[in-house]
N, C-alpha and C. Protein backbone atom coordinates (compact mmCIF):
# COMPACT_ATOMS: atom_id res chain seq x y z
N MET A 1 43.25 42.18 -12.91
CA MET A 1 41.85 41.93 -13.22
C MET A 1 41.05 43.14 -12.75
N GLY A 2 40.27 43.68 -13.66
CA GLY A 2 39.49 44.87 -13.35
C GLY A 2 38.20 44.54 -12.62
N GLU A 3 37.55 45.59 -12.15
CA GLU A 3 36.30 45.43 -11.40
C GLU A 3 35.22 44.80 -12.27
N ASN A 4 35.16 45.16 -13.56
CA ASN A 4 34.17 44.59 -14.47
C ASN A 4 34.37 43.10 -14.65
N ASP A 5 35.64 42.67 -14.72
CA ASP A 5 35.94 41.24 -14.85
C ASP A 5 35.46 40.49 -13.62
N PHE A 6 35.70 41.07 -12.45
CA PHE A 6 35.29 40.44 -11.20
C PHE A 6 33.77 40.31 -11.13
N VAL A 7 33.07 41.37 -11.48
CA VAL A 7 31.59 41.36 -11.46
C VAL A 7 31.07 40.33 -12.46
N SER A 8 31.68 40.28 -13.62
CA SER A 8 31.28 39.32 -14.64
C SER A 8 31.47 37.89 -14.14
N LEU A 9 32.60 37.61 -13.52
CA LEU A 9 32.85 36.28 -12.97
C LEU A 9 31.88 35.95 -11.84
N LEU A 10 31.58 36.92 -11.02
CA LEU A 10 30.64 36.71 -9.93
C LEU A 10 29.25 36.37 -10.46
N LEU A 11 28.81 37.08 -11.49
CA LEU A 11 27.50 36.81 -12.10
C LEU A 11 27.47 35.42 -12.74
N LYS A 12 28.55 35.05 -13.41
CA LYS A 12 28.63 33.72 -14.01
C LYS A 12 28.58 32.64 -12.93
N ALA A 13 29.28 32.87 -11.83
CA ALA A 13 29.29 31.91 -10.73
C ALA A 13 27.89 31.75 -10.14
N GLN A 14 27.16 32.85 -10.01
CA GLN A 14 25.80 32.79 -9.49
C GLN A 14 24.88 32.01 -10.43
N ARG A 15 25.03 32.24 -11.73
CA ARG A 15 24.22 31.50 -12.71
C ARG A 15 24.54 30.02 -12.67
N LEU A 16 25.83 29.70 -12.58
CA LEU A 16 26.23 28.30 -12.50
C LEU A 16 25.70 27.64 -11.23
N GLN A 17 25.68 28.39 -10.15
CA GLN A 17 25.15 27.86 -8.90
C GLN A 17 23.66 27.55 -9.04
N LYS A 18 22.92 28.43 -9.71
CA LYS A 18 21.49 28.19 -9.93
C LYS A 18 21.27 26.97 -10.81
N VAL A 19 22.08 26.84 -11.85
CA VAL A 19 21.98 25.67 -12.73
C VAL A 19 22.29 24.40 -11.95
N ALA A 20 23.33 24.44 -11.14
CA ALA A 20 23.70 23.27 -10.34
C ALA A 20 22.58 22.90 -9.37
N GLN A 21 21.94 23.89 -8.78
CA GLN A 21 20.84 23.64 -7.86
C GLN A 21 19.66 22.99 -8.59
N LYS A 22 19.33 23.49 -9.77
CA LYS A 22 18.23 22.90 -10.55
C LYS A 22 18.55 21.47 -10.96
N LEU A 23 19.79 21.23 -11.36
CA LEU A 23 20.19 19.87 -11.73
C LEU A 23 20.12 18.93 -10.54
N GLN A 24 20.50 19.41 -9.37
CA GLN A 24 20.42 18.59 -8.16
C GLN A 24 18.97 18.26 -7.83
N GLU A 25 18.08 19.24 -7.98
CA GLU A 25 16.66 19.00 -7.73
C GLU A 25 16.10 17.97 -8.71
N GLN A 26 16.48 18.08 -9.98
CA GLN A 26 16.02 17.11 -10.98
C GLN A 26 16.58 15.73 -10.66
N SER A 27 17.83 15.68 -10.26
CA SER A 27 18.45 14.41 -9.91
C SER A 27 17.74 13.76 -8.72
N ASP A 28 17.44 14.55 -7.70
CA ASP A 28 16.73 14.03 -6.53
C ASP A 28 15.35 13.51 -6.91
N SER A 29 14.67 14.25 -7.77
CA SER A 29 13.34 13.85 -8.21
C SER A 29 13.40 12.54 -9.00
N LEU A 30 14.35 12.45 -9.91
CA LEU A 30 14.50 11.23 -10.70
C LEU A 30 14.89 10.04 -9.82
N GLU A 31 15.75 10.29 -8.84
CA GLU A 31 16.14 9.21 -7.93
C GLU A 31 14.94 8.69 -7.16
N ALA A 32 14.09 9.59 -6.68
CA ALA A 32 12.89 9.18 -5.96
C ALA A 32 11.95 8.39 -6.86
N GLU A 33 11.81 8.85 -8.09
CA GLU A 33 10.94 8.16 -9.06
C GLU A 33 11.47 6.75 -9.35
N VAL A 34 12.76 6.63 -9.54
CA VAL A 34 13.37 5.33 -9.82
C VAL A 34 13.21 4.40 -8.61
N ARG A 35 13.40 4.93 -7.41
CA ARG A 35 13.22 4.11 -6.21
C ARG A 35 11.80 3.57 -6.12
N LEU A 36 10.81 4.42 -6.40
CA LEU A 36 9.42 3.98 -6.36
C LEU A 36 9.16 2.89 -7.39
N LYS A 37 9.71 3.06 -8.59
CA LYS A 37 9.52 2.05 -9.63
C LYS A 37 10.18 0.73 -9.25
N ILE A 38 11.37 0.81 -8.67
CA ILE A 38 12.07 -0.41 -8.24
C ILE A 38 11.26 -1.12 -7.16
N GLU A 39 10.76 -0.36 -6.19
CA GLU A 39 9.95 -0.96 -5.13
C GLU A 39 8.70 -1.63 -5.70
N ALA A 40 8.06 -0.98 -6.66
CA ALA A 40 6.87 -1.56 -7.28
C ALA A 40 7.20 -2.84 -8.03
N LEU A 41 8.32 -2.84 -8.75
CA LEU A 41 8.73 -4.04 -9.48
C LEU A 41 9.09 -5.18 -8.53
N LEU A 42 9.78 -4.87 -7.45
CA LEU A 42 10.12 -5.91 -6.47
C LEU A 42 8.87 -6.48 -5.82
N SER A 43 7.92 -5.62 -5.53
CA SER A 43 6.66 -6.07 -4.96
C SER A 43 5.92 -6.98 -5.93
N GLU A 44 5.88 -6.57 -7.19
CA GLU A 44 5.22 -7.38 -8.22
C GLU A 44 5.93 -8.73 -8.38
N ARG A 45 7.25 -8.70 -8.37
CA ARG A 45 8.02 -9.94 -8.49
C ARG A 45 7.70 -10.88 -7.33
N ASN A 46 7.65 -10.34 -6.12
CA ASN A 46 7.36 -11.18 -4.96
C ASN A 46 5.95 -11.76 -5.04
N GLU A 47 5.00 -10.95 -5.49
CA GLU A 47 3.63 -11.43 -5.64
C GLU A 47 3.57 -12.57 -6.67
N LEU A 48 4.28 -12.41 -7.77
CA LEU A 48 4.30 -13.46 -8.79
C LEU A 48 4.96 -14.73 -8.27
N ARG A 49 5.99 -14.60 -7.48
CA ARG A 49 6.63 -15.78 -6.90
C ARG A 49 5.65 -16.57 -6.04
N TRP A 50 4.88 -15.85 -5.23
CA TRP A 50 3.93 -16.53 -4.37
C TRP A 50 2.81 -17.18 -5.18
N ARG A 51 2.43 -16.57 -6.26
CA ARG A 51 1.38 -17.16 -7.10
C ARG A 51 1.88 -18.44 -7.76
N VAL A 52 3.14 -18.46 -8.17
CA VAL A 52 3.70 -19.63 -8.84
C VAL A 52 3.91 -20.77 -7.84
N ASP A 53 4.52 -20.47 -6.71
CA ASP A 53 4.80 -21.50 -5.71
C ASP A 53 4.85 -20.87 -4.33
N PRO A 54 3.72 -20.85 -3.63
CA PRO A 54 3.67 -20.16 -2.34
C PRO A 54 4.57 -20.78 -1.26
N PHE A 55 5.00 -22.01 -1.46
CA PHE A 55 5.83 -22.67 -0.45
C PHE A 55 7.28 -22.80 -0.89
N SER A 56 7.61 -22.11 -1.93
CA SER A 56 8.96 -22.16 -2.49
C SER A 56 9.97 -21.52 -1.55
N ALA A 57 11.18 -22.03 -1.57
CA ALA A 57 12.27 -21.44 -0.78
C ALA A 57 12.67 -20.09 -1.36
N ASN A 58 12.27 -19.84 -2.60
CA ASN A 58 12.61 -18.55 -3.22
C ASN A 58 11.73 -17.41 -2.72
N ALA A 59 10.58 -17.74 -2.17
CA ALA A 59 9.71 -16.68 -1.67
C ALA A 59 10.37 -16.04 -0.46
N ASN A 60 10.16 -14.76 -0.29
CA ASN A 60 10.88 -14.03 0.75
C ASN A 60 10.51 -14.48 2.16
N SER A 61 9.28 -14.30 2.57
CA SER A 61 8.89 -14.69 3.92
C SER A 61 7.37 -14.69 4.03
N LEU A 62 6.90 -15.31 5.11
CA LEU A 62 5.46 -15.32 5.34
C LEU A 62 4.93 -13.93 5.67
N ALA A 63 5.80 -13.05 6.09
CA ALA A 63 5.38 -11.68 6.40
C ALA A 63 4.90 -10.96 5.15
N ASP A 64 5.31 -11.43 3.98
CA ASP A 64 4.92 -10.80 2.73
C ASP A 64 3.56 -11.27 2.22
N VAL A 65 2.97 -12.25 2.90
CA VAL A 65 1.73 -12.85 2.42
C VAL A 65 0.54 -12.21 3.13
N ASP A 66 -0.49 -11.89 2.35
CA ASP A 66 -1.74 -11.40 2.94
C ASP A 66 -2.63 -12.60 3.24
N PHE A 67 -2.96 -12.79 4.51
CA PHE A 67 -3.81 -13.92 4.89
C PHE A 67 -5.25 -13.47 5.00
């Protein structure tokens, strides 16, 4: 393997590393966004449960209620 081949492979590896880093950043961002949406949906679900039947065994706990 010649020096040019080695340099070419090194440059490709660096580009792939940059692409992998960008993909990881996008993945982290999407994961955070999904977590926020899930938390919002769970909160909404709990609020709706309390509106339907505040004394139901299905409701999570009194700590979730605003008095």
